[in-house]
């Protein structure tokens, strides 16, 4: 059991270090040799877990879509908001998540592996369709269109925010919701939604207590 736990920890360390390198250097400039040197790991030790840079990139993208911290709420629209706020909070703190976006905007990596944006759109579409069925959305709102445009807007805000040292991603996404939600949410629902930039941190702190 101890050996298995060590193997799991080592795999995670390799993945996170590779993600840091994807973030710092980009996909093309990241090399297996560089990863081994940075981690002070043997080539055999690395290949036990990952046999190529391509496999590492795929493993990073496999973790791109996550609903960790999202809990059932009175309104499905709140769950949709929570998913976006949680990602905004976690992404600057978790190299694997930020690397998934870095790989997605890298032309070479995108051509090799695709992106997980369609998966995020599907997640949003599912939550918004449920919100629509419950009467939480204004009559004119198309859940599929809203989910697609929101993923594009969220990604654009993230890419710009990381170049502005005085801006915080959670605050920017919160501000984006302040502009967007009045155009899609029924007034009675809108008044009860929590879009605070601090909500994600509170949700993550509460998650272990709820489990």
N, C-alpha and C. Protein backbone atom coordinates (compact mmCIF):
# COMPACT_ATOMS: atom_id res chain seq x y z
N UNK A 1 0.83 -1.21 0.00
CA UNK A 1 0.00 0.00 0.00
C UNK A 1 0.86 1.26 0.00
N UNK A 2 1.93 1.26 0.83
CA UNK A 2 2.82 2.41 0.89
C UNK A 2 3.48 2.65 -0.46
N UNK A 3 3.89 1.56 -1.14
CA UNK A 3 4.51 1.69 -2.45
C UNK A 3 3.52 2.27 -3.46
N UNK A 4 2.30 1.82 -3.37
CA UNK A 4 1.28 2.32 -4.29
C UNK A 4 1.02 3.81 -4.06
N UNK A 5 0.98 4.22 -2.79
CA UNK A 5 0.77 5.64 -2.47
C UNK A 5 1.92 6.48 -2.97
N UNK A 6 3.15 5.97 -2.84
CA UNK A 6 4.32 6.69 -3.36
C UNK A 6 4.23 6.84 -4.87
N UNK A 7 3.79 5.78 -5.54
CA UNK A 7 3.67 5.83 -6.99
C UNK A 7 2.64 6.87 -7.42
N UNK A 8 1.53 6.94 -6.68
CA UNK A 8 0.50 7.94 -6.99
C UNK A 8 1.04 9.35 -6.79
N UNK A 9 1.77 9.56 -5.69
CA UNK A 9 2.35 10.88 -5.42
C UNK A 9 3.38 11.26 -6.47
N UNK A 10 4.21 10.27 -6.86
CA UNK A 10 5.24 10.55 -7.87
C UNK A 10 4.60 10.91 -9.20
N UNK A 11 3.58 10.16 -9.58
CA UNK A 11 2.88 10.46 -10.84
C UNK A 11 2.32 11.88 -10.81
N UNK A 12 1.75 12.24 -9.67
CA UNK A 12 1.17 13.58 -9.56
C UNK A 12 2.24 14.65 -9.65
N UNK A 13 3.37 14.43 -9.01
CA UNK A 13 4.46 15.39 -9.06
C UNK A 13 4.99 15.55 -10.48
N UNK A 14 5.08 14.46 -11.20
CA UNK A 14 5.54 14.53 -12.60
C UNK A 14 4.56 15.34 -13.42
N UNK A 15 3.28 15.06 -13.26
CA UNK A 15 2.26 15.76 -14.04
C UNK A 15 2.25 17.26 -13.73
N UNK A 16 2.37 17.60 -12.45
CA UNK A 16 2.36 19.01 -12.08
C UNK A 16 3.61 19.73 -12.55
N UNK A 17 4.76 19.05 -12.50
CA UNK A 17 5.99 19.67 -12.99
C UNK A 17 5.94 19.86 -14.50
N UNK A 18 5.42 18.86 -15.22
CA UNK A 18 5.26 19.00 -16.66
C UNK A 18 4.31 20.15 -16.97
N UNK A 19 3.23 20.28 -16.20
CA UNK A 19 2.28 21.37 -16.40
C UNK A 19 2.96 22.72 -16.19
N UNK A 20 3.80 22.82 -15.16
CA UNK A 20 4.54 24.07 -14.92
C UNK A 20 5.42 24.40 -16.12
N UNK A 21 6.04 23.39 -16.71
CA UNK A 21 6.90 23.63 -17.87
C UNK A 21 6.09 24.01 -19.11
N UNK A 22 4.93 23.38 -19.29
CA UNK A 22 4.05 23.78 -20.40
C UNK A 22 3.66 25.24 -20.25
N UNK A 23 3.38 25.64 -19.00
CA UNK A 23 2.99 27.03 -18.74
C UNK A 23 4.14 27.99 -19.01
N UNK A 24 5.33 27.61 -18.56
CA UNK A 24 6.49 28.51 -18.67
C UNK A 24 7.07 28.55 -20.08
N UNK A 25 7.16 27.37 -20.72
CA UNK A 25 7.93 27.24 -21.96
C UNK A 25 7.07 27.03 -23.20
N UNK A 26 5.84 26.58 -23.00
CA UNK A 26 5.03 26.18 -24.13
C UNK A 26 5.26 24.70 -24.45
N UNK A 27 4.38 24.17 -25.27
CA UNK A 27 4.45 22.74 -25.56
C UNK A 27 5.73 22.36 -26.30
N UNK A 28 6.06 23.12 -27.32
CA UNK A 28 7.20 22.75 -28.18
C UNK A 28 8.52 22.74 -27.42
N UNK A 29 8.73 23.74 -26.57
CA UNK A 29 10.02 23.87 -25.88
C UNK A 29 10.13 22.97 -24.66
N UNK A 30 9.04 22.40 -24.21
CA UNK A 30 9.10 21.46 -23.09
C UNK A 30 9.63 20.12 -23.60
N UNK A 31 10.61 19.57 -22.89
CA UNK A 31 11.22 18.31 -23.32
C UNK A 31 11.24 17.32 -22.16
N UNK A 32 11.27 16.06 -22.51
CA UNK A 32 11.41 15.01 -21.49
C UNK A 32 12.72 15.18 -20.74
N UNK A 33 13.80 15.49 -21.47
CA UNK A 33 15.09 15.70 -20.83
C UNK A 33 15.04 16.83 -19.82
N UNK A 34 14.39 17.91 -20.18
CA UNK A 34 14.25 19.04 -19.27
C UNK A 34 13.44 18.69 -18.04
N UNK A 35 12.41 17.89 -18.23
CA UNK A 35 11.58 17.46 -17.11
C UNK A 35 12.37 16.58 -16.15
N UNK A 36 13.15 15.65 -16.71
CA UNK A 36 13.97 14.77 -15.88
C UNK A 36 14.99 15.58 -15.08
N UNK A 37 15.58 16.56 -15.73
CA UNK A 37 16.58 17.39 -15.05
C UNK A 37 15.94 18.21 -13.94
N UNK A 38 14.78 18.77 -14.20
CA UNK A 38 14.12 19.60 -13.20
C UNK A 38 13.70 18.78 -11.99
N UNK A 39 13.25 17.56 -12.22
CA UNK A 39 12.75 16.73 -11.13
C UNK A 39 13.83 15.88 -10.48
N UNK A 40 15.02 15.84 -11.10
CA UNK A 40 16.08 14.94 -10.61
C UNK A 40 15.56 13.51 -10.55
N UNK A 41 14.94 13.10 -11.65
CA UNK A 41 14.32 11.78 -11.75
C UNK A 41 15.04 10.98 -12.82
N UNK A 42 15.11 9.67 -12.66
CA UNK A 42 15.71 8.84 -13.69
C UNK A 42 14.74 8.72 -14.87
N UNK A 43 15.27 8.43 -16.03
CA UNK A 43 14.41 8.25 -17.20
C UNK A 43 13.46 7.06 -17.00
N UNK A 44 13.97 6.02 -16.37
CA UNK A 44 13.12 4.87 -16.08
C UNK A 44 12.00 5.21 -15.11
N UNK A 45 12.34 6.05 -14.12
CA UNK A 45 11.33 6.47 -13.15
C UNK A 45 10.22 7.27 -13.80
N UNK A 46 10.59 8.10 -14.80
CA UNK A 46 9.57 8.86 -15.53
C UNK A 46 8.75 7.95 -16.42
N UNK A 47 9.43 7.08 -17.16
CA UNK A 47 8.73 6.24 -18.13
C UNK A 47 7.82 5.21 -17.47
N UNK A 48 8.04 4.95 -16.21
CA UNK A 48 7.12 4.06 -15.49
C UNK A 48 5.71 4.66 -15.45
N UNK A 49 5.65 6.01 -15.46
CA UNK A 49 4.37 6.71 -15.36
C UNK A 49 3.93 7.30 -16.70
N UNK A 50 4.85 7.90 -17.43
CA UNK A 50 4.54 8.54 -18.71
C UNK A 50 5.65 8.22 -19.70
N UNK A 51 5.27 7.77 -20.87
CA UNK A 51 6.27 7.33 -21.84
C UNK A 51 6.63 8.40 -22.86
N UNK A 52 5.93 9.55 -22.86
CA UNK A 52 6.21 10.58 -23.86
C UNK A 52 5.64 11.92 -23.42
N UNK A 53 6.11 12.97 -24.07
CA UNK A 53 5.57 14.30 -23.82
C UNK A 53 4.11 14.36 -24.25
N UNK A 54 3.79 13.66 -25.32
CA UNK A 54 2.40 13.63 -25.80
C UNK A 54 1.47 13.03 -24.74
N UNK A 55 1.93 11.98 -24.08
CA UNK A 55 1.11 11.36 -23.04
C UNK A 55 0.92 12.31 -21.86
N UNK A 56 1.93 13.06 -21.53
CA UNK A 56 1.83 14.05 -20.47
C UNK A 56 0.81 15.13 -20.84
N UNK A 57 0.86 15.60 -22.07
CA UNK A 57 -0.09 16.64 -22.50
C UNK A 57 -1.52 16.12 -22.44
N UNK A 58 -1.71 14.89 -22.88
CA UNK A 58 -3.07 14.31 -22.84
C UNK A 58 -3.55 14.16 -21.39
N UNK A 59 -2.64 13.80 -20.49
CA UNK A 59 -3.01 13.66 -19.08
C UNK A 59 -3.42 15.00 -18.48
N UNK A 60 -2.72 16.07 -18.89
CA UNK A 60 -3.09 17.42 -18.44
C UNK A 60 -4.49 17.76 -18.94
N UNK A 61 -4.75 17.53 -20.21
CA UNK A 61 -6.05 17.87 -20.78
C UNK A 61 -7.17 17.02 -20.20
N UNK A 62 -6.83 15.81 -19.78
CA UNK A 62 -7.84 14.94 -19.16
C UNK A 62 -8.40 15.54 -17.88
N UNK A 63 -7.65 16.46 -17.26
CA UNK A 63 -8.10 17.06 -16.00
C UNK A 63 -8.68 18.45 -16.18
N UNK A 64 -8.84 18.86 -17.45
CA UNK A 64 -9.26 20.23 -17.72
C UNK A 64 -10.69 20.51 -17.29
N UNK A 65 -11.55 19.54 -17.43
CA UNK A 65 -12.96 19.75 -17.09
C UNK A 65 -13.22 19.18 -15.69
N UNK A 66 -13.47 20.05 -14.75
CA UNK A 66 -13.63 19.64 -13.35
C UNK A 66 -14.74 20.44 -12.70
N UNK A 67 -15.56 19.74 -11.94
CA UNK A 67 -16.62 20.40 -11.18
C UNK A 67 -16.37 20.26 -9.67
N UNK A 68 -15.11 20.11 -9.32
CA UNK A 68 -14.76 20.02 -7.90
C UNK A 68 -15.25 21.26 -7.16
N UNK A 69 -15.98 21.04 -6.08
CA UNK A 69 -16.50 22.15 -5.29
C UNK A 69 -17.92 22.55 -5.63
N UNK A 70 -18.40 22.15 -6.81
CA UNK A 70 -19.77 22.48 -7.20
C UNK A 70 -20.73 21.56 -6.45
N UNK A 71 -21.63 22.14 -5.69
CA UNK A 71 -22.60 21.37 -4.90
C UNK A 71 -24.00 21.70 -5.37
N UNK A 72 -24.95 20.80 -5.15
CA UNK A 72 -26.34 21.09 -5.53
C UNK A 72 -26.84 22.38 -4.87
N UNK A 73 -27.54 23.19 -5.68
CA UNK A 73 -28.06 24.46 -5.19
C UNK A 73 -29.55 24.56 -5.50
N UNK A 74 -30.21 25.51 -4.89
CA UNK A 74 -31.63 25.74 -5.15
C UNK A 74 -31.86 26.03 -6.63
N UNK A 75 -30.94 26.81 -7.22
CA UNK A 75 -31.05 27.18 -8.63
C UNK A 75 -29.93 26.54 -9.44
N UNK A 76 -30.27 25.94 -10.57
CA UNK A 76 -29.26 25.39 -11.47
C UNK A 76 -28.37 26.51 -12.02
N UNK A 77 -28.93 27.68 -12.16
CA UNK A 77 -28.13 28.81 -12.62
C UNK A 77 -27.01 29.13 -11.64
N UNK A 78 -27.27 28.94 -10.35
CA UNK A 78 -26.21 29.14 -9.36
C UNK A 78 -25.11 28.10 -9.53
N UNK A 79 -25.46 26.87 -9.85
CA UNK A 79 -24.45 25.83 -10.08
C UNK A 79 -23.58 26.19 -11.29
N UNK A 80 -24.21 26.74 -12.33
CA UNK A 80 -23.45 27.18 -13.51
C UNK A 80 -22.48 28.30 -13.14
N UNK A 81 -22.97 29.26 -12.36
CA UNK A 81 -22.11 30.34 -11.87
C UNK A 81 -20.98 29.78 -11.02
N UNK A 82 -21.32 28.85 -10.14
CA UNK A 82 -20.30 28.28 -9.25
C UNK A 82 -19.20 27.58 -10.02
N UNK A 83 -19.56 26.83 -11.07
CA UNK A 83 -18.55 26.13 -11.86
C UNK A 83 -17.54 27.11 -12.43
N UNK A 84 -18.02 28.24 -12.92
CA UNK A 84 -17.13 29.24 -13.51
C UNK A 84 -16.28 29.95 -12.46
N UNK A 85 -16.88 30.26 -11.32
CA UNK A 85 -16.13 30.93 -10.25
C UNK A 85 -15.08 30.01 -9.63
N UNK A 86 -15.43 28.74 -9.48
CA UNK A 86 -14.48 27.78 -8.93
C UNK A 86 -13.28 27.60 -9.85
N UNK A 87 -13.54 27.52 -11.14
CA UNK A 87 -12.42 27.39 -12.08
C UNK A 87 -11.54 28.63 -12.05
N UNK A 88 -12.17 29.80 -11.95
CA UNK A 88 -11.40 31.05 -11.88
C UNK A 88 -10.53 31.09 -10.64
N UNK A 89 -11.04 30.57 -9.53
CA UNK A 89 -10.26 30.57 -8.28
C UNK A 89 -9.13 29.55 -8.34
N UNK A 90 -9.43 28.36 -8.86
CA UNK A 90 -8.45 27.28 -8.83
C UNK A 90 -7.35 27.42 -9.88
N UNK A 91 -7.70 27.96 -11.02
CA UNK A 91 -6.76 27.94 -12.15
C UNK A 91 -5.41 28.61 -11.84
N UNK A 92 -5.38 29.80 -11.23
CA UNK A 92 -4.08 30.40 -10.93
C UNK A 92 -3.28 29.63 -9.88
N UNK A 93 -3.95 28.75 -9.15
CA UNK A 93 -3.32 28.02 -8.05
C UNK A 93 -2.94 26.60 -8.43
N UNK A 94 -3.43 26.11 -9.57
CA UNK A 94 -3.22 24.72 -9.95
C UNK A 94 -2.60 24.65 -11.35
N UNK A 95 -1.30 24.32 -11.42
CA UNK A 95 -0.60 24.32 -12.71
C UNK A 95 -1.25 23.44 -13.77
N UNK A 96 -1.83 22.32 -13.36
CA UNK A 96 -2.41 21.42 -14.36
C UNK A 96 -3.60 22.09 -15.05
N UNK A 97 -4.41 22.80 -14.29
CA UNK A 97 -5.55 23.49 -14.89
C UNK A 97 -5.09 24.61 -15.83
N UNK A 98 -4.14 25.41 -15.37
CA UNK A 98 -3.67 26.50 -16.23
C UNK A 98 -2.97 25.97 -17.46
N UNK A 99 -2.27 24.84 -17.33
CA UNK A 99 -1.59 24.24 -18.49
C UNK A 99 -2.60 23.72 -19.51
N UNK A 100 -3.76 23.30 -19.05
CA UNK A 100 -4.77 22.81 -20.00
C UNK A 100 -5.21 23.93 -20.94
N UNK A 101 -5.27 25.16 -20.42
CA UNK A 101 -5.60 26.29 -21.29
C UNK A 101 -4.41 26.66 -22.16
N UNK A 102 -3.22 26.61 -21.58
CA UNK A 102 -2.02 26.92 -22.37
C UNK A 102 -1.89 25.97 -23.56
N UNK A 103 -2.15 24.70 -23.35
CA UNK A 103 -2.10 23.73 -24.44
C UNK A 103 -3.20 23.99 -25.46
N UNK A 104 -4.35 24.44 -24.99
CA UNK A 104 -5.47 24.67 -25.89
C UNK A 104 -5.25 25.85 -26.82
N UNK A 105 -4.50 26.85 -26.36
CA UNK A 105 -4.26 28.02 -27.21
C UNK A 105 -2.96 27.89 -28.00
N UNK A 106 -2.18 26.85 -27.72
CA UNK A 106 -0.95 26.59 -28.47
C UNK A 106 -1.33 25.89 -29.78
N UNK A 107 -1.05 26.52 -30.95
CA UNK A 107 -1.51 25.94 -32.22
C UNK A 107 -1.05 24.51 -32.45
N UNK A 108 0.21 24.22 -32.14
CA UNK A 108 0.70 22.87 -32.39
C UNK A 108 0.01 21.86 -31.47
N UNK A 109 -0.06 22.18 -30.18
CA UNK A 109 -0.70 21.26 -29.23
C UNK A 109 -2.18 21.09 -29.57
N UNK A 110 -2.82 22.18 -29.97
CA UNK A 110 -4.24 22.10 -30.31
C UNK A 110 -4.47 21.19 -31.51
N UNK A 111 -3.58 21.27 -32.49
CA UNK A 111 -3.71 20.39 -33.66
C UNK A 111 -3.49 18.93 -33.31
N UNK A 112 -2.61 18.69 -32.33
CA UNK A 112 -2.32 17.32 -31.93
C UNK A 112 -3.40 16.72 -31.04
N UNK A 113 -3.89 17.51 -30.09
CA UNK A 113 -4.74 16.95 -29.04
C UNK A 113 -6.14 17.53 -28.98
N UNK A 114 -6.41 18.58 -29.74
CA UNK A 114 -7.70 19.25 -29.61
C UNK A 114 -7.76 20.04 -28.32
N UNK A 115 -8.96 20.40 -27.91
CA UNK A 115 -9.15 21.16 -26.67
C UNK A 115 -10.29 20.53 -25.88
N UNK A 116 -10.47 21.02 -24.67
CA UNK A 116 -11.60 20.57 -23.86
C UNK A 116 -12.71 21.63 -23.82
N UNK A 117 -12.61 22.64 -24.66
CA UNK A 117 -13.68 23.64 -24.71
C UNK A 117 -15.02 23.04 -25.08
N UNK A 118 -15.10 22.10 -26.04
CA UNK A 118 -16.41 21.49 -26.31
C UNK A 118 -17.00 20.79 -25.09
N UNK A 119 -16.13 20.22 -24.25
CA UNK A 119 -16.63 19.55 -23.04
C UNK A 119 -17.18 20.56 -22.04
N UNK A 120 -16.50 21.71 -21.91
CA UNK A 120 -17.01 22.76 -21.03
C UNK A 120 -18.33 23.31 -21.54
N UNK A 121 -18.43 23.44 -22.86
CA UNK A 121 -19.69 23.91 -23.44
C UNK A 121 -20.81 22.94 -23.13
N UNK A 122 -20.51 21.65 -23.22
CA UNK A 122 -21.52 20.63 -22.92
C UNK A 122 -21.96 20.70 -21.46
N UNK A 123 -20.99 20.90 -20.55
CA UNK A 123 -21.33 21.03 -19.12
C UNK A 123 -22.26 22.22 -18.92
N UNK A 124 -21.89 23.36 -19.49
CA UNK A 124 -22.72 24.56 -19.35
C UNK A 124 -24.08 24.40 -19.98
N UNK A 125 -24.12 23.77 -21.14
CA UNK A 125 -25.39 23.55 -21.82
C UNK A 125 -26.33 22.69 -20.97
N UNK A 126 -25.77 21.67 -20.33
CA UNK A 126 -26.58 20.81 -19.48
C UNK A 126 -27.19 21.57 -18.31
N UNK A 127 -26.37 22.37 -17.63
CA UNK A 127 -26.87 23.14 -16.48
C UNK A 127 -27.87 24.20 -16.91
N UNK A 128 -27.60 24.86 -18.03
CA UNK A 128 -28.50 25.91 -18.49
C UNK A 128 -29.82 25.35 -19.01
N UNK A 129 -29.78 24.18 -19.62
CA UNK A 129 -31.02 23.54 -20.05
C UNK A 129 -31.90 23.20 -18.85
N UNK A 130 -31.27 22.71 -17.79
CA UNK A 130 -32.04 22.42 -16.57
C UNK A 130 -32.61 23.70 -15.98
N UNK A 131 -31.79 24.77 -16.01
CA UNK A 131 -32.27 26.07 -15.51
C UNK A 131 -33.45 26.55 -16.35
N UNK A 132 -33.38 26.35 -17.64
CA UNK A 132 -34.48 26.75 -18.54
C UNK A 132 -35.75 25.98 -18.20
N UNK A 133 -35.63 24.67 -18.01
CA UNK A 133 -36.79 23.84 -17.69
C UNK A 133 -37.44 24.25 -16.37
N UNK A 134 -36.63 24.79 -15.45
CA UNK A 134 -37.15 25.20 -14.14
C UNK A 134 -37.67 26.63 -14.16
N UNK A 135 -37.60 27.29 -15.29
CA UNK A 135 -38.09 28.66 -15.38
C UNK A 135 -37.15 29.71 -14.83
N UNK A 136 -35.86 29.38 -14.75
CA UNK A 136 -34.89 30.32 -14.19
C UNK A 136 -34.36 31.31 -15.23
N UNK A 137 -34.51 30.99 -16.52
CA UNK A 137 -33.98 31.83 -17.59
C UNK A 137 -35.09 32.63 -18.25
N UNK A 138 -34.73 33.77 -18.79
CA UNK A 138 -35.67 34.57 -19.56
C UNK A 138 -36.10 33.79 -20.81
N UNK A 139 -37.30 34.02 -21.30
CA UNK A 139 -37.84 33.21 -22.40
C UNK A 139 -36.99 33.19 -23.66
N UNK A 140 -36.28 34.27 -23.95
CA UNK A 140 -35.53 34.34 -25.21
C UNK A 140 -34.19 33.62 -25.16
N UNK A 141 -33.76 33.18 -24.00
CA UNK A 141 -32.40 32.65 -23.83
C UNK A 141 -32.29 31.25 -24.44
N UNK A 142 -31.27 31.07 -25.28
CA UNK A 142 -30.93 29.78 -25.88
C UNK A 142 -29.78 29.18 -25.06
N UNK A 143 -30.02 28.11 -24.29
CA UNK A 143 -28.96 27.55 -23.45
C UNK A 143 -27.70 27.16 -24.23
N UNK A 144 -27.86 26.56 -25.39
CA UNK A 144 -26.69 26.13 -26.17
C UNK A 144 -25.85 27.32 -26.61
N UNK A 145 -26.49 28.35 -27.13
CA UNK A 145 -25.77 29.55 -27.55
C UNK A 145 -25.10 30.23 -26.37
N UNK A 146 -25.82 30.32 -25.26
CA UNK A 146 -25.27 30.97 -24.07
C UNK A 146 -24.05 30.21 -23.55
N UNK A 147 -24.14 28.89 -23.50
CA UNK A 147 -23.01 28.08 -23.03
C UNK A 147 -21.79 28.26 -23.92
N UNK A 148 -22.01 28.27 -25.22
CA UNK A 148 -20.89 28.42 -26.17
C UNK A 148 -20.23 29.79 -26.05
N UNK A 149 -21.04 30.84 -26.03
CA UNK A 149 -20.48 32.19 -25.95
C UNK A 149 -19.81 32.43 -24.60
N UNK A 150 -20.36 31.83 -23.55
CA UNK A 150 -19.77 32.04 -22.24
C UNK A 150 -18.39 31.42 -22.13
N UNK A 151 -18.22 30.21 -22.66
CA UNK A 151 -16.90 29.57 -22.62
C UNK A 151 -15.88 30.44 -23.36
N UNK A 152 -16.28 30.99 -24.49
CA UNK A 152 -15.38 31.88 -25.22
C UNK A 152 -15.05 33.13 -24.43
N UNK A 153 -16.06 33.71 -23.79
CA UNK A 153 -15.84 34.92 -23.00
C UNK A 153 -14.97 34.62 -21.78
N UNK A 154 -15.26 33.52 -21.08
CA UNK A 154 -14.47 33.15 -19.91
C UNK A 154 -13.01 32.98 -20.29
N UNK A 155 -12.76 32.27 -21.37
CA UNK A 155 -11.37 32.02 -21.80
C UNK A 155 -10.68 33.33 -22.17
N UNK A 156 -11.39 34.20 -22.88
CA UNK A 156 -10.79 35.48 -23.25
C UNK A 156 -10.45 36.32 -22.04
N UNK A 157 -11.34 36.35 -21.07
CA UNK A 157 -11.08 37.10 -19.84
C UNK A 157 -9.85 36.53 -19.13
N UNK A 158 -9.75 35.21 -19.07
CA UNK A 158 -8.61 34.59 -18.40
C UNK A 158 -7.29 34.94 -19.10
N UNK A 159 -7.26 34.85 -20.42
CA UNK A 159 -6.03 35.12 -21.15
C UNK A 159 -5.59 36.57 -21.00
N UNK A 160 -6.55 37.48 -20.97
CA UNK A 160 -6.19 38.89 -20.81
C UNK A 160 -5.78 39.19 -19.37
N UNK A 161 -6.51 38.62 -18.43
CA UNK A 161 -6.23 38.91 -17.02
C UNK A 161 -4.83 38.47 -16.61
N UNK A 162 -4.36 37.35 -17.17
CA UNK A 162 -3.03 36.89 -16.77
C UNK A 162 -1.91 37.82 -17.24
N UNK A 163 -2.22 38.73 -18.16
CA UNK A 163 -1.22 39.70 -18.63
C UNK A 163 -1.30 41.01 -17.86
N UNK A 164 -2.29 41.13 -16.97
CA UNK A 164 -2.49 42.37 -16.21
C UNK A 164 -2.23 42.10 -14.74
N UNK A 165 -1.06 42.47 -14.25
CA UNK A 165 -0.65 42.08 -12.88
C UNK A 165 -1.56 42.62 -11.79
N UNK A 166 -2.30 43.67 -12.06
CA UNK A 166 -3.13 44.26 -11.01
C UNK A 166 -4.56 43.73 -11.03
N UNK A 167 -4.84 42.72 -11.88
CA UNK A 167 -6.19 42.19 -11.97
C UNK A 167 -6.26 40.77 -11.42
N UNK A 168 -7.41 40.43 -10.86
CA UNK A 168 -7.64 39.13 -10.23
C UNK A 168 -8.71 38.39 -11.04
N UNK A 169 -8.42 37.13 -11.41
CA UNK A 169 -9.34 36.41 -12.29
C UNK A 169 -10.71 36.22 -11.65
N UNK A 170 -10.77 35.87 -10.38
CA UNK A 170 -12.05 35.68 -9.72
C UNK A 170 -12.88 36.96 -9.76
N UNK A 171 -12.24 38.09 -9.54
CA UNK A 171 -12.96 39.37 -9.58
C UNK A 171 -13.43 39.69 -10.99
N UNK A 172 -12.62 39.36 -11.98
CA UNK A 172 -13.00 39.65 -13.36
C UNK A 172 -14.18 38.80 -13.80
N UNK A 173 -14.17 37.52 -13.43
CA UNK A 173 -15.29 36.65 -13.80
C UNK A 173 -16.55 37.07 -13.06
N UNK A 174 -16.41 37.49 -11.81
CA UNK A 174 -17.54 38.02 -11.06
C UNK A 174 -18.13 39.24 -11.77
N UNK A 175 -17.26 40.12 -12.24
CA UNK A 175 -17.72 41.30 -12.97
C UNK A 175 -18.40 40.92 -14.28
N UNK A 176 -17.89 39.90 -14.95
CA UNK A 176 -18.51 39.45 -16.18
C UNK A 176 -19.93 38.94 -15.92
N UNK A 177 -20.12 38.22 -14.84
CA UNK A 177 -21.46 37.76 -14.49
C UNK A 177 -22.40 38.93 -14.21
N UNK A 178 -21.87 39.99 -13.58
CA UNK A 178 -22.69 41.16 -13.28
C UNK A 178 -23.23 41.78 -14.57
N UNK A 179 -22.46 41.72 -15.63
CA UNK A 179 -22.90 42.23 -16.93
C UNK A 179 -23.82 41.26 -17.65
N UNK A 180 -23.56 39.96 -17.53
CA UNK A 180 -24.26 38.97 -18.33
C UNK A 180 -25.58 38.52 -17.73
N UNK A 181 -25.60 38.25 -16.44
CA UNK A 181 -26.77 37.60 -15.83
C UNK A 181 -28.07 38.39 -15.98
N UNK A 182 -28.07 39.73 -15.89
CA UNK A 182 -29.34 40.45 -16.08
C UNK A 182 -29.98 40.19 -17.44
N UNK A 183 -29.20 39.73 -18.40
CA UNK A 183 -29.73 39.48 -19.74
C UNK A 183 -30.22 38.05 -19.93
N UNK A 184 -29.96 37.17 -18.95
CA UNK A 184 -30.39 35.79 -19.13
C UNK A 184 -31.24 35.26 -17.97
N UNK A 185 -31.11 35.83 -16.78
CA UNK A 185 -31.80 35.29 -15.60
C UNK A 185 -33.11 36.02 -15.34
N UNK A 186 -34.12 35.28 -14.93
CA UNK A 186 -35.37 35.89 -14.49
C UNK A 186 -35.09 36.78 -13.27
N UNK A 187 -35.76 37.92 -13.17
CA UNK A 187 -35.46 38.85 -12.07
C UNK A 187 -35.52 38.23 -10.69
N UNK A 188 -36.51 37.38 -10.44
CA UNK A 188 -36.62 36.76 -9.12
C UNK A 188 -35.45 35.85 -8.80
N UNK A 189 -34.91 35.19 -9.82
CA UNK A 189 -33.74 34.33 -9.64
C UNK A 189 -32.49 35.17 -9.52
N UNK A 190 -32.37 36.17 -10.39
CA UNK A 190 -31.19 37.03 -10.40
C UNK A 190 -30.91 37.62 -9.03
N UNK A 191 -31.95 38.03 -8.34
CA UNK A 191 -31.78 38.67 -7.04
C UNK A 191 -31.21 37.73 -5.99
N UNK A 192 -31.33 36.42 -6.23
CA UNK A 192 -30.89 35.44 -5.24
C UNK A 192 -29.57 34.76 -5.60
N UNK A 193 -28.97 35.12 -6.72
CA UNK A 193 -27.71 34.50 -7.13
C UNK A 193 -26.53 35.16 -6.43
N UNK A 194 -25.57 34.34 -6.04
CA UNK A 194 -24.34 34.83 -5.41
C UNK A 194 -23.21 34.74 -6.43
N UNK A 195 -22.73 35.88 -6.87
CA UNK A 195 -21.64 35.91 -7.85
C UNK A 195 -20.38 36.53 -7.25
N UNK A 196 -20.29 36.54 -5.94
CA UNK A 196 -19.14 37.14 -5.26
C UNK A 196 -17.84 36.47 -5.69
N UNK A 197 -16.77 37.23 -5.86
CA UNK A 197 -15.47 36.63 -6.20
C UNK A 197 -14.91 35.76 -5.07
N UNK A 198 -15.52 35.84 -3.89
CA UNK A 198 -15.06 35.04 -2.74
C UNK A 198 -15.88 33.77 -2.55
N UNK A 199 -16.90 33.60 -3.39
CA UNK A 199 -17.78 32.44 -3.22
C UNK A 199 -17.04 31.12 -3.43
N UNK A 200 -16.16 31.05 -4.42
CA UNK A 200 -15.47 29.79 -4.71
C UNK A 200 -14.65 29.32 -3.52
N UNK A 201 -13.96 30.24 -2.89
CA UNK A 201 -13.15 29.86 -1.72
C UNK A 201 -14.03 29.31 -0.61
N UNK A 202 -15.19 29.92 -0.42
CA UNK A 202 -16.11 29.44 0.62
C UNK A 202 -16.65 28.05 0.27
N UNK A 203 -16.95 27.82 -1.00
CA UNK A 203 -17.45 26.51 -1.42
C UNK A 203 -16.41 25.42 -1.19
N UNK A 204 -15.16 25.71 -1.51
CA UNK A 204 -14.10 24.71 -1.34
C UNK A 204 -13.83 24.45 0.14
N UNK A 205 -13.95 25.48 0.96
CA UNK A 205 -13.76 25.26 2.39
C UNK A 205 -14.87 24.42 2.98
N UNK A 206 -16.08 24.58 2.44
CA UNK A 206 -17.22 23.84 2.96
C UNK A 206 -17.29 22.41 2.43
N UNK A 207 -16.63 22.14 1.30
CA UNK A 207 -16.76 20.84 0.66
C UNK A 207 -16.39 19.66 1.56
N UNK A 208 -15.29 19.66 2.30
CA UNK A 208 -14.95 18.51 3.16
C UNK A 208 -16.00 18.25 4.24
N UNK A 209 -16.64 19.32 4.72
CA UNK A 209 -17.66 19.17 5.76
C UNK A 209 -18.91 18.50 5.21
N UNK A 210 -19.13 18.72 3.88
CA UNK A 210 -20.33 18.16 3.27
C UNK A 210 -20.13 16.72 2.83
N UNK A 211 -18.86 16.26 2.78
CA UNK A 211 -18.58 14.91 2.29
C UNK A 211 -18.71 13.89 3.39
